[in-house]
């Protein structure tokens, strides 16, 4: 079973985190989840007050009986297995990624579990996918993204694939999640350009 770390920071886009985790669990992936305090606050605003409690996240995924396995860790828990490079994982995604988290990871500030996990993934040359959610971006934001890209991270801004002619926000999210899974190296059957099923 593959293991992917999912970090959720305080940027807007909580629903993307939910959808990515759901799909990873459907693919029988072991998900190690870390949600920051700011991530819970944003989820409260975007998904409803129950999602301001980490217990609700556990309930949400447990209710659907996915074949994958979910483990939730406190952002203060530096004793989590993946806080060490000796623990093997198949990569990490930070979705959504705030500009504060982006800056901290780019500068090597491993002062909480999410940032430490990203630091480990980078130093071990494993796959790190960052989904930054900010617009417009300042030169500082762009420099931090370039720094991380030069270290091997995949910068994946959640930009809609308009060429796929999505009919709803739900379709936009579906396509985006498929692309994120691609970036993580997880096989999936999400819509792609050139699929025969896609209308002209």
N, C-alpha and C. Protein backbone atom coordinates (compact mmCIF):
# COMPACT_ATOMS: atom_id res chain seq x y z
N UNK A 1 0.84 -1.20 0.00
CA UNK A 1 0.00 0.00 0.00
C UNK A 1 0.88 1.25 0.00
N UNK A 2 0.61 2.16 -0.93
CA UNK A 2 1.36 3.41 -0.97
C UNK A 2 0.97 4.29 0.21
N UNK A 3 1.92 5.13 0.63
CA UNK A 3 1.64 6.09 1.69
C UNK A 3 1.90 7.50 1.19
N UNK A 4 0.89 8.36 1.28
CA UNK A 4 1.01 9.76 0.89
C UNK A 4 0.68 10.63 2.09
N UNK A 5 1.50 11.62 2.34
CA UNK A 5 1.23 12.61 3.38
C UNK A 5 0.41 13.73 2.75
N UNK A 6 -0.67 14.12 3.41
CA UNK A 6 -1.48 15.25 2.95
C UNK A 6 -1.42 16.34 4.02
N UNK A 7 -0.92 17.50 3.63
CA UNK A 7 -0.89 18.65 4.52
C UNK A 7 -1.94 19.66 4.08
N UNK A 8 -2.72 20.15 5.03
CA UNK A 8 -3.77 21.13 4.73
C UNK A 8 -3.47 22.39 5.53
N UNK A 9 -3.16 23.48 4.82
CA UNK A 9 -2.85 24.74 5.50
C UNK A 9 -4.05 25.67 5.43
N UNK A 10 -3.85 26.94 5.80
CA UNK A 10 -4.97 27.86 5.95
C UNK A 10 -5.43 28.59 4.71
N UNK A 11 -4.90 28.26 3.55
CA UNK A 11 -5.35 28.92 2.31
C UNK A 11 -6.76 28.47 1.95
N UNK A 12 -7.42 29.25 1.11
CA UNK A 12 -8.74 28.88 0.63
C UNK A 12 -8.63 27.66 -0.29
N UNK A 13 -9.66 26.82 -0.26
CA UNK A 13 -9.66 25.63 -1.11
C UNK A 13 -9.75 24.34 -0.32
N UNK A 14 -10.41 24.39 0.85
CA UNK A 14 -10.53 23.19 1.70
C UNK A 14 -11.16 22.02 0.96
N UNK A 15 -12.11 22.30 0.07
CA UNK A 15 -12.79 21.22 -0.64
C UNK A 15 -11.82 20.42 -1.50
N UNK A 16 -10.77 21.06 -2.00
CA UNK A 16 -9.77 20.32 -2.78
C UNK A 16 -9.06 19.29 -1.91
N UNK A 17 -8.77 19.67 -0.66
CA UNK A 17 -8.14 18.72 0.26
C UNK A 17 -9.05 17.53 0.48
N UNK A 18 -10.33 17.79 0.73
CA UNK A 18 -11.29 16.71 0.95
C UNK A 18 -11.34 15.78 -0.25
N UNK A 19 -11.44 16.34 -1.43
CA UNK A 19 -11.56 15.52 -2.65
C UNK A 19 -10.29 14.72 -2.93
N UNK A 20 -9.13 15.33 -2.70
CA UNK A 20 -7.87 14.61 -2.91
C UNK A 20 -7.77 13.43 -1.95
N UNK A 21 -8.09 13.66 -0.69
CA UNK A 21 -8.03 12.58 0.30
C UNK A 21 -9.00 11.46 -0.06
N UNK A 22 -10.21 11.83 -0.45
CA UNK A 22 -11.20 10.81 -0.85
C UNK A 22 -10.67 9.94 -1.99
N UNK A 23 -10.07 10.57 -2.97
CA UNK A 23 -9.59 9.80 -4.12
C UNK A 23 -8.39 8.94 -3.77
N UNK A 24 -7.51 9.45 -2.93
CA UNK A 24 -6.38 8.63 -2.48
C UNK A 24 -6.88 7.40 -1.73
N UNK A 25 -7.85 7.58 -0.86
CA UNK A 25 -8.40 6.45 -0.11
C UNK A 25 -9.11 5.46 -1.03
N UNK A 26 -9.78 5.97 -2.06
CA UNK A 26 -10.42 5.08 -3.03
C UNK A 26 -9.38 4.23 -3.76
N UNK A 27 -8.18 4.79 -3.94
CA UNK A 27 -7.10 4.09 -4.63
C UNK A 27 -6.29 3.21 -3.68
N UNK A 28 -6.83 2.97 -2.48
CA UNK A 28 -6.19 2.10 -1.49
C UNK A 28 -4.84 2.64 -1.06
N UNK A 29 -4.75 3.95 -0.95
CA UNK A 29 -3.53 4.60 -0.47
C UNK A 29 -3.67 4.84 1.03
N UNK A 30 -2.57 4.69 1.76
CA UNK A 30 -2.55 5.07 3.17
C UNK A 30 -2.28 6.57 3.24
N UNK A 31 -3.19 7.31 3.83
CA UNK A 31 -3.08 8.77 3.90
C UNK A 31 -2.71 9.18 5.32
N UNK A 32 -1.62 9.92 5.44
CA UNK A 32 -1.22 10.52 6.71
C UNK A 32 -1.59 11.99 6.64
N UNK A 33 -2.57 12.40 7.42
CA UNK A 33 -3.15 13.74 7.30
C UNK A 33 -2.70 14.65 8.43
N UNK A 34 -2.28 15.86 8.04
CA UNK A 34 -1.94 16.92 9.00
C UNK A 34 -2.70 18.18 8.59
N UNK A 35 -3.54 18.69 9.48
CA UNK A 35 -4.28 19.92 9.21
C UNK A 35 -3.83 20.97 10.22
N UNK A 36 -3.43 22.13 9.73
CA UNK A 36 -2.99 23.20 10.64
C UNK A 36 -4.21 23.85 11.30
N UNK A 37 -3.95 24.63 12.36
CA UNK A 37 -5.02 25.36 13.03
C UNK A 37 -5.71 26.31 12.05
N UNK A 38 -4.92 26.97 11.22
CA UNK A 38 -5.49 27.88 10.22
C UNK A 38 -6.29 27.10 9.18
N UNK A 39 -5.84 25.88 8.88
CA UNK A 39 -6.58 25.03 7.95
C UNK A 39 -7.96 24.69 8.47
N UNK A 40 -8.06 24.45 9.78
CA UNK A 40 -9.36 24.16 10.39
C UNK A 40 -10.26 25.39 10.37
N UNK A 41 -9.67 26.57 10.61
CA UNK A 41 -10.46 27.81 10.57
C UNK A 41 -11.03 28.05 9.18
N UNK A 42 -10.20 27.84 8.16
CA UNK A 42 -10.66 28.03 6.78
C UNK A 42 -11.74 27.01 6.43
N UNK A 43 -11.55 25.78 6.86
CA UNK A 43 -12.54 24.74 6.60
C UNK A 43 -13.88 25.08 7.25
N UNK A 44 -13.84 25.71 8.42
CA UNK A 44 -15.07 26.15 9.07
C UNK A 44 -15.84 27.11 8.19
N UNK A 45 -15.12 28.05 7.58
CA UNK A 45 -15.75 29.05 6.72
C UNK A 45 -16.27 28.44 5.41
N UNK A 46 -15.51 27.51 4.85
CA UNK A 46 -15.82 27.00 3.51
C UNK A 46 -16.69 25.75 3.49
N UNK A 47 -16.58 24.93 4.54
CA UNK A 47 -17.29 23.65 4.56
C UNK A 47 -18.35 23.56 5.65
N UNK A 48 -18.33 24.52 6.57
CA UNK A 48 -19.27 24.50 7.68
C UNK A 48 -18.56 24.28 9.00
N UNK A 49 -19.18 24.74 10.08
CA UNK A 49 -18.53 24.74 11.39
C UNK A 49 -18.06 23.36 11.88
N UNK A 50 -18.75 22.25 11.54
CA UNK A 50 -18.24 20.96 12.01
C UNK A 50 -16.81 20.67 11.56
N UNK A 51 -16.42 21.18 10.38
CA UNK A 51 -15.08 20.90 9.86
C UNK A 51 -13.99 21.72 10.53
N UNK A 52 -14.38 22.52 11.51
CA UNK A 52 -13.39 23.20 12.34
C UNK A 52 -12.83 22.28 13.41
N UNK A 53 -13.40 21.08 13.52
CA UNK A 53 -12.90 20.06 14.45
C UNK A 53 -12.29 18.92 13.64
N UNK A 54 -11.10 18.51 14.01
CA UNK A 54 -10.43 17.45 13.25
C UNK A 54 -11.22 16.14 13.34
N UNK A 55 -12.01 15.99 14.41
CA UNK A 55 -12.81 14.78 14.55
C UNK A 55 -13.81 14.65 13.40
N UNK A 56 -14.31 15.78 12.91
CA UNK A 56 -15.27 15.74 11.81
C UNK A 56 -14.61 15.22 10.54
N UNK A 57 -13.33 15.57 10.33
CA UNK A 57 -12.61 15.06 9.17
C UNK A 57 -12.53 13.53 9.25
N UNK A 58 -12.21 13.04 10.42
CA UNK A 58 -12.10 11.59 10.61
C UNK A 58 -13.45 10.92 10.36
N UNK A 59 -14.52 11.53 10.87
CA UNK A 59 -15.87 10.99 10.66
C UNK A 59 -16.24 11.01 9.17
N UNK A 60 -15.93 12.11 8.49
CA UNK A 60 -16.28 12.27 7.08
C UNK A 60 -15.74 11.11 6.24
N UNK A 61 -14.46 10.82 6.43
CA UNK A 61 -13.84 9.76 5.62
C UNK A 61 -14.23 8.38 6.11
N UNK A 62 -14.44 8.24 7.42
CA UNK A 62 -14.84 6.96 7.97
C UNK A 62 -16.23 6.53 7.53
N UNK A 63 -17.10 7.52 7.34
CA UNK A 63 -18.48 7.23 6.94
C UNK A 63 -18.56 6.57 5.56
N UNK A 64 -17.54 6.76 4.74
CA UNK A 64 -17.61 6.30 3.35
C UNK A 64 -16.93 4.95 3.12
N UNK A 65 -16.34 4.40 4.18
CA UNK A 65 -15.80 3.04 4.12
C UNK A 65 -14.85 2.83 2.94
N UNK A 66 -13.87 3.72 2.82
CA UNK A 66 -12.89 3.60 1.74
C UNK A 66 -11.95 2.43 1.99
N UNK A 67 -11.39 1.84 0.91
CA UNK A 67 -10.44 0.74 1.09
C UNK A 67 -9.08 1.20 1.62
N UNK A 68 -8.76 2.47 1.44
CA UNK A 68 -7.49 2.99 1.95
C UNK A 68 -7.56 3.22 3.45
N UNK A 69 -6.43 3.65 4.02
CA UNK A 69 -6.37 3.84 5.47
C UNK A 69 -5.99 5.28 5.77
N UNK A 70 -6.70 5.90 6.71
CA UNK A 70 -6.43 7.29 7.09
C UNK A 70 -5.87 7.36 8.49
N UNK A 71 -4.76 8.08 8.63
CA UNK A 71 -4.19 8.35 9.95
C UNK A 71 -4.07 9.86 10.08
N UNK A 72 -4.57 10.40 11.18
CA UNK A 72 -4.53 11.84 11.40
C UNK A 72 -3.53 12.16 12.50
N UNK A 73 -2.70 13.17 12.25
CA UNK A 73 -1.66 13.55 13.20
C UNK A 73 -1.80 15.02 13.58
N UNK A 74 -1.52 15.31 14.84
CA UNK A 74 -1.49 16.69 15.30
C UNK A 74 -0.32 17.42 14.64
N UNK A 75 -0.53 18.68 14.31
CA UNK A 75 0.54 19.47 13.69
C UNK A 75 1.69 19.73 14.66
N UNK A 76 1.48 19.41 15.94
CA UNK A 76 2.52 19.59 16.95
C UNK A 76 3.30 18.30 17.20
N UNK A 77 2.91 17.23 16.55
CA UNK A 77 3.49 15.91 16.84
C UNK A 77 4.75 15.65 16.02
N UNK A 78 5.89 16.01 16.58
CA UNK A 78 7.15 15.78 15.88
C UNK A 78 7.62 14.33 15.99
N UNK A 79 6.84 13.49 16.68
CA UNK A 79 7.18 12.08 16.79
C UNK A 79 6.41 11.23 15.78
N UNK A 80 5.67 11.86 14.89
CA UNK A 80 5.01 11.12 13.82
C UNK A 80 6.07 10.39 12.99
N UNK A 81 5.79 9.20 12.50
CA UNK A 81 6.80 8.43 11.77
C UNK A 81 7.45 9.20 10.62
N UNK A 82 6.64 9.93 9.85
CA UNK A 82 7.16 10.61 8.66
C UNK A 82 7.91 11.91 8.97
N UNK A 83 8.07 12.21 10.27
CA UNK A 83 8.92 13.35 10.65
C UNK A 83 10.39 12.97 10.51
N UNK A 84 10.65 11.70 10.26
CA UNK A 84 12.01 11.21 10.05
C UNK A 84 12.19 10.71 8.63
N UNK A 85 13.33 11.01 8.06
CA UNK A 85 13.62 10.55 6.70
C UNK A 85 13.78 9.05 6.60
N UNK A 86 14.02 8.37 7.73
CA UNK A 86 14.18 6.92 7.70
C UNK A 86 12.85 6.21 7.47
N UNK A 87 11.74 6.93 7.66
CA UNK A 87 10.42 6.36 7.40
C UNK A 87 10.08 6.60 5.93
N UNK A 88 9.86 5.53 5.20
CA UNK A 88 9.62 5.65 3.76
C UNK A 88 8.18 6.03 3.45
N UNK A 89 8.02 7.04 2.61
CA UNK A 89 6.70 7.41 2.09
C UNK A 89 6.82 7.55 0.58
N UNK A 90 5.68 7.67 -0.07
CA UNK A 90 5.67 7.82 -1.53
C UNK A 90 5.47 9.26 -1.97
N UNK A 91 5.49 10.17 -1.00
CA UNK A 91 5.39 11.58 -1.36
C UNK A 91 4.44 12.33 -0.47
N UNK A 92 4.24 13.59 -0.82
CA UNK A 92 3.41 14.50 -0.01
C UNK A 92 2.76 15.52 -0.92
N UNK A 93 1.55 15.92 -0.54
CA UNK A 93 0.88 17.04 -1.21
C UNK A 93 0.43 18.02 -0.13
N UNK A 94 0.67 19.30 -0.37
CA UNK A 94 0.14 20.35 0.50
C UNK A 94 -0.98 21.02 -0.28
N UNK A 95 -2.22 20.77 0.18
CA UNK A 95 -3.39 21.23 -0.57
C UNK A 95 -4.50 21.66 0.39
N UNK A 96 -4.87 22.93 0.39
CA UNK A 96 -4.22 24.03 -0.30
C UNK A 96 -2.98 24.48 0.48
N UNK A 97 -2.11 25.20 -0.20
CA UNK A 97 -0.88 25.69 0.43
C UNK A 97 -0.94 27.21 0.55
N UNK A 98 -0.90 27.71 1.77
CA UNK A 98 -0.89 29.15 2.00
C UNK A 98 0.48 29.71 1.66
N UNK A 99 0.55 31.02 1.48
CA UNK A 99 1.83 31.64 1.18
C UNK A 99 2.76 31.61 2.38
N UNK A 100 2.20 31.59 3.59
CA UNK A 100 3.03 31.45 4.78
C UNK A 100 3.69 30.09 4.85
N UNK A 101 2.92 29.04 4.57
CA UNK A 101 3.48 27.69 4.55
C UNK A 101 4.48 27.55 3.42
N UNK A 102 4.15 28.11 2.26
CA UNK A 102 5.06 28.08 1.11
C UNK A 102 6.41 28.68 1.48
N UNK A 103 6.38 29.86 2.11
CA UNK A 103 7.62 30.55 2.49
C UNK A 103 8.41 29.72 3.49
N UNK A 104 7.72 29.17 4.49
CA UNK A 104 8.40 28.39 5.51
C UNK A 104 9.10 27.17 4.92
N UNK A 105 8.41 26.46 4.03
CA UNK A 105 9.00 25.27 3.41
C UNK A 105 10.18 25.67 2.53
N UNK A 106 10.04 26.75 1.78
CA UNK A 106 11.13 27.20 0.90
C UNK A 106 12.36 27.58 1.70
N UNK A 107 12.16 28.10 2.91
CA UNK A 107 13.27 28.56 3.75
C UNK A 107 13.74 27.50 4.73
N UNK A 108 13.12 26.33 4.71
CA UNK A 108 13.54 25.25 5.60
C UNK A 108 13.13 25.43 7.04
N UNK A 109 12.06 26.18 7.29
CA UNK A 109 11.59 26.41 8.66
C UNK A 109 10.65 25.27 9.07
N UNK A 110 11.22 24.24 9.63
CA UNK A 110 10.46 23.03 9.97
C UNK A 110 9.95 23.12 11.40
N UNK A 111 9.11 24.12 11.67
CA UNK A 111 8.69 24.40 13.05
C UNK A 111 7.34 23.78 13.43
N UNK A 112 6.76 23.00 12.55
CA UNK A 112 5.59 22.19 12.91
C UNK A 112 5.63 20.92 12.06
N UNK A 113 4.70 20.01 12.29
CA UNK A 113 4.79 18.71 11.62
C UNK A 113 4.60 18.83 10.11
N UNK A 114 3.66 19.66 9.67
CA UNK A 114 3.44 19.80 8.23
C UNK A 114 4.72 20.27 7.54
N UNK A 115 5.33 21.31 8.11
CA UNK A 115 6.54 21.87 7.49
C UNK A 115 7.72 20.90 7.61
N UNK A 116 7.80 20.20 8.74
CA UNK A 116 8.87 19.21 8.91
C UNK A 116 8.71 18.09 7.89
N UNK A 117 7.48 17.63 7.68
CA UNK A 117 7.23 16.56 6.71
C UNK A 117 7.67 16.99 5.32
N UNK A 118 7.34 18.23 4.93
CA UNK A 118 7.76 18.73 3.62
C UNK A 118 9.28 18.82 3.54
N UNK A 119 9.90 19.25 4.62
CA UNK A 119 11.36 19.35 4.68
C UNK A 119 12.00 17.98 4.46
N UNK A 120 11.43 16.95 5.10
CA UNK A 120 11.94 15.58 4.97
C UNK A 120 11.77 15.09 3.53
N UNK A 121 10.59 15.31 2.96
CA UNK A 121 10.34 14.86 1.59
C UNK A 121 11.33 15.50 0.62
N UNK A 122 11.62 16.78 0.82
CA UNK A 122 12.58 17.46 -0.05
C UNK A 122 13.99 16.90 0.12
N UNK A 123 14.42 16.74 1.36
CA UNK A 123 15.81 16.30 1.58
C UNK A 123 16.03 14.85 1.15
N UNK A 124 14.95 14.06 1.19
CA UNK A 124 15.05 12.67 0.78
C UNK A 124 14.80 12.48 -0.72
N UNK A 125 14.57 13.61 -1.42
CA UNK A 125 14.34 13.59 -2.88
C UNK A 125 13.10 12.78 -3.25
N UNK A 126 12.06 12.93 -2.41
CA UNK A 126 10.79 12.29 -2.71
C UNK A 126 9.86 13.31 -3.37
N UNK A 127 8.69 12.86 -3.74
CA UNK A 127 7.77 13.71 -4.51
C UNK A 127 7.00 14.65 -3.59
N UNK A 128 7.13 15.95 -3.85
CA UNK A 128 6.39 16.97 -3.10
C UNK A 128 5.56 17.80 -4.07
N UNK A 129 4.25 17.76 -3.90
CA UNK A 129 3.34 18.54 -4.74
C UNK A 129 2.75 19.66 -3.89
N UNK A 130 2.91 20.88 -4.36
CA UNK A 130 2.42 22.05 -3.64
C UNK A 130 1.32 22.71 -4.45
N UNK A 131 0.16 22.89 -3.82
CA UNK A 131 -1.00 23.49 -4.49
C UNK A 131 -1.22 24.88 -3.89
N UNK A 132 -0.52 25.90 -4.41
CA UNK A 132 -0.61 27.24 -3.82
C UNK A 132 -1.92 27.93 -4.18
N UNK A 133 -2.55 28.57 -3.20
CA UNK A 133 -3.83 29.22 -3.44
C UNK A 133 -3.70 30.69 -3.05
N UNK A 134 -3.37 31.52 -4.03
CA UNK A 134 -3.26 32.96 -3.82
C UNK A 134 -3.32 33.66 -5.17
N UNK A 135 -3.92 34.83 -5.21
CA UNK A 135 -3.93 35.61 -6.44
C UNK A 135 -4.29 37.06 -6.13
N UNK A 136 -3.59 38.01 -6.73
CA UNK A 136 -2.39 37.82 -7.55
C UNK A 136 -1.21 37.45 -6.65
N UNK A 137 -0.14 36.99 -7.25
CA UNK A 137 1.05 36.61 -6.49
C UNK A 137 2.10 37.71 -6.58
N UNK A 138 2.75 37.95 -5.44
CA UNK A 138 3.81 38.95 -5.40
C UNK A 138 5.12 38.32 -5.86
N UNK A 139 6.14 39.13 -6.14
CA UNK A 139 7.45 38.57 -6.49
C UNK A 139 7.99 37.64 -5.40
N UNK A 140 7.66 37.93 -4.14
CA UNK A 140 8.12 37.05 -3.05
C UNK A 140 7.50 35.67 -3.19
N UNK A 141 6.20 35.62 -3.45
CA UNK A 141 5.52 34.33 -3.64
C UNK A 141 6.14 33.55 -4.81
N UNK A 142 6.40 34.26 -5.89
CA UNK A 142 6.95 33.61 -7.08
C UNK A 142 8.37 33.11 -6.83
N UNK A 143 9.16 33.89 -6.10
CA UNK A 143 10.54 33.45 -5.80
C UNK A 143 10.54 32.19 -4.94
N UNK A 144 9.65 32.16 -3.95
CA UNK A 144 9.58 30.96 -3.10
C UNK A 144 9.17 29.73 -3.92
N UNK A 145 8.25 29.91 -4.85
CA UNK A 145 7.85 28.79 -5.70
C UNK A 145 8.99 28.34 -6.61
N UNK A 146 9.74 29.29 -7.13
CA UNK A 146 10.90 28.94 -7.96
C UNK A 146 11.93 28.19 -7.14
N UNK A 147 12.17 28.66 -5.92
CA UNK A 147 13.12 27.97 -5.03
C UNK A 147 12.72 26.52 -4.83
N UNK A 148 11.44 26.29 -4.55
CA UNK A 148 10.97 24.93 -4.32
C UNK A 148 11.00 24.09 -5.59
N UNK A 149 10.66 24.70 -6.71
CA UNK A 149 10.72 23.97 -7.99
C UNK A 149 12.15 23.54 -8.29
N UNK A 150 13.10 24.40 -7.98
CA UNK A 150 14.52 24.06 -8.20
C UNK A 150 14.98 22.95 -7.28
N UNK A 151 14.30 22.78 -6.14
CA UNK A 151 14.61 21.68 -5.22
C UNK A 151 13.93 20.38 -5.65
N UNK A 152 13.05 20.46 -6.64
CA UNK A 152 12.38 19.26 -7.13
C UNK A 152 10.90 19.18 -6.83
N UNK A 153 10.37 20.17 -6.11
CA UNK A 153 8.93 20.16 -5.82
C UNK A 153 8.14 20.44 -7.09
N UNK A 154 6.93 19.93 -7.14
CA UNK A 154 6.01 20.21 -8.25
C UNK A 154 5.05 21.29 -7.79
N UNK A 155 5.08 22.44 -8.45
CA UNK A 155 4.18 23.54 -8.11
C UNK A 155 2.93 23.39 -8.96
N UNK A 156 1.80 23.20 -8.30
CA UNK A 156 0.56 22.89 -9.00
C UNK A 156 -0.53 23.89 -8.61
N UNK A 157 -0.53 25.09 -9.21
CA UNK A 157 -1.61 26.04 -8.91
C UNK A 157 -2.94 25.50 -9.42
N UNK A 158 -4.00 25.60 -8.64
CA UNK A 158 -5.29 25.02 -9.04
C UNK A 158 -6.01 25.87 -10.08
N UNK A 159 -5.51 25.82 -11.30
CA UNK A 159 -6.06 26.60 -12.40
C UNK A 159 -7.03 25.73 -13.20
N UNK A 160 -8.26 26.18 -13.41
CA UNK A 160 -9.24 25.37 -14.14
C UNK A 160 -8.79 25.01 -15.55
N UNK A 161 -9.09 23.78 -15.97
CA UNK A 161 -8.78 23.33 -17.33
C UNK A 161 -9.97 23.66 -18.22
N UNK A 162 -10.04 24.90 -18.67
CA UNK A 162 -11.20 25.34 -19.44
C UNK A 162 -11.33 24.58 -20.76
N UNK A 163 -10.20 24.08 -21.28
CA UNK A 163 -10.26 23.35 -22.55
C UNK A 163 -11.05 22.05 -22.43
N UNK A 164 -11.30 21.61 -21.19
CA UNK A 164 -12.11 20.41 -20.98
C UNK A 164 -13.61 20.73 -20.93
N UNK A 165 -13.93 22.00 -21.09
CA UNK A 165 -15.32 22.49 -21.09
C UNK A 165 -16.12 22.01 -19.87
N UNK A 166 -15.62 22.30 -18.67
CA UNK A 166 -16.37 21.89 -17.48
C UNK A 166 -17.72 22.60 -17.41
N UNK A 167 -18.73 21.87 -16.98
CA UNK A 167 -20.09 22.40 -16.91
C UNK A 167 -20.43 22.95 -15.52
N UNK A 168 -19.59 22.65 -14.54
CA UNK A 168 -19.88 23.07 -13.17
C UNK A 168 -18.58 23.16 -12.38
N UNK A 169 -18.67 23.76 -11.20
CA UNK A 169 -17.51 23.82 -10.31
C UNK A 169 -17.10 22.41 -9.90
N UNK A 170 -18.06 21.53 -9.75
CA UNK A 170 -17.78 20.14 -9.41
C UNK A 170 -16.89 19.50 -10.47
N UNK A 171 -17.18 19.74 -11.74
CA UNK A 171 -16.36 19.18 -12.82
C UNK A 171 -14.96 19.79 -12.82
N UNK A 172 -14.86 21.08 -12.51
CA UNK A 172 -13.55 21.73 -12.41
C UNK A 172 -12.72 21.02 -11.35
N UNK A 173 -13.32 20.76 -10.19
CA UNK A 173 -12.61 20.11 -9.09
C UNK A 173 -12.21 18.68 -9.46
N UNK A 174 -13.09 17.97 -10.14
CA UNK A 174 -12.81 16.58 -10.54
C UNK A 174 -11.57 16.52 -11.43
N UNK A 175 -11.52 17.39 -12.43
CA UNK A 175 -10.36 17.42 -13.34
C UNK A 175 -9.09 17.77 -12.57
N UNK A 176 -9.20 18.74 -11.67
CA UNK A 176 -8.05 19.20 -10.91
C UNK A 176 -7.50 18.10 -10.01
N UNK A 177 -8.40 17.38 -9.35
CA UNK A 177 -7.97 16.29 -8.47
C UNK A 177 -7.25 15.21 -9.27
N UNK A 178 -7.75 14.91 -10.46
CA UNK A 178 -7.07 13.93 -11.31
C UNK A 178 -5.65 14.35 -11.65
N UNK A 179 -5.48 15.63 -11.95
CA UNK A 179 -4.14 16.14 -12.27
C UNK A 179 -3.22 16.10 -11.05
N UNK A 180 -3.78 16.37 -9.87
CA UNK A 180 -2.97 16.29 -8.65
C UNK A 180 -2.53 14.85 -8.41
N UNK A 181 -3.44 13.89 -8.61
CA UNK A 181 -3.06 12.48 -8.47
C UNK A 181 -1.98 12.11 -9.47
N UNK A 182 -2.07 12.63 -10.70
CA UNK A 182 -1.01 12.41 -11.68
C UNK A 182 0.33 12.88 -11.13
N UNK A 183 0.33 14.08 -10.57
CA UNK A 183 1.57 14.66 -10.05
C UNK A 183 2.14 13.84 -8.90
N UNK A 184 1.26 13.16 -8.16
CA UNK A 184 1.71 12.29 -7.07
C UNK A 184 2.12 10.90 -7.54
N UNK A 185 1.89 10.62 -8.82
CA UNK A 185 2.23 9.31 -9.35
C UNK A 185 1.20 8.25 -9.04
N UNK A 186 -0.05 8.68 -8.80
CA UNK A 186 -1.14 7.75 -8.49
C UNK A 186 -2.00 7.56 -9.74
N UNK A 187 -2.08 6.34 -10.24
CA UNK A 187 -2.86 6.06 -11.45
C UNK A 187 -4.33 6.38 -11.21
N UNK A 188 -4.97 6.96 -12.21
CA UNK A 188 -6.38 7.31 -12.09
C UNK A 188 -7.02 7.39 -13.47
N UNK A 189 -8.33 7.45 -13.50
CA UNK A 189 -9.06 7.46 -14.78
C UNK A 189 -9.83 8.76 -14.97
N UNK A 190 -9.29 9.84 -14.47
CA UNK A 190 -9.97 11.12 -14.61
C UNK A 190 -9.95 11.59 -16.06
N UNK A 191 -10.88 12.50 -16.44
CA UNK A 191 -10.95 12.97 -17.83
C UNK A 191 -9.64 13.60 -18.29
N UNK A 192 -9.28 13.31 -19.54
CA UNK A 192 -8.04 13.84 -20.12
C UNK A 192 -8.32 14.38 -21.51
N UNK A 193 -7.47 15.31 -21.92
CA UNK A 193 -7.57 15.85 -23.27
C UNK A 193 -7.36 14.72 -24.27
N UNK A 194 -8.25 14.63 -25.26
CA UNK A 194 -8.10 13.59 -26.28
C UNK A 194 -8.88 12.33 -25.98
N UNK A 195 -9.48 12.25 -24.75
CA UNK A 195 -10.32 11.08 -24.46
C UNK A 195 -11.46 11.00 -25.47
N UNK A 196 -11.73 9.81 -25.96
CA UNK A 196 -12.80 9.63 -26.94
C UNK A 196 -14.17 9.97 -26.36
N UNK A 197 -14.25 9.92 -25.02
CA UNK A 197 -15.53 10.20 -24.37
C UNK A 197 -15.84 11.69 -24.32
N UNK A 198 -14.82 12.52 -24.63
CA UNK A 198 -14.99 13.96 -24.55
C UNK A 198 -15.60 14.49 -25.83
N UNK A 199 -16.65 15.27 -25.71
CA UNK A 199 -17.31 15.81 -26.89
C UNK A 199 -16.46 16.82 -27.61
N UNK A 200 -16.75 17.07 -28.88
CA UNK A 200 -15.99 18.03 -29.68
C UNK A 200 -16.55 19.42 -29.49
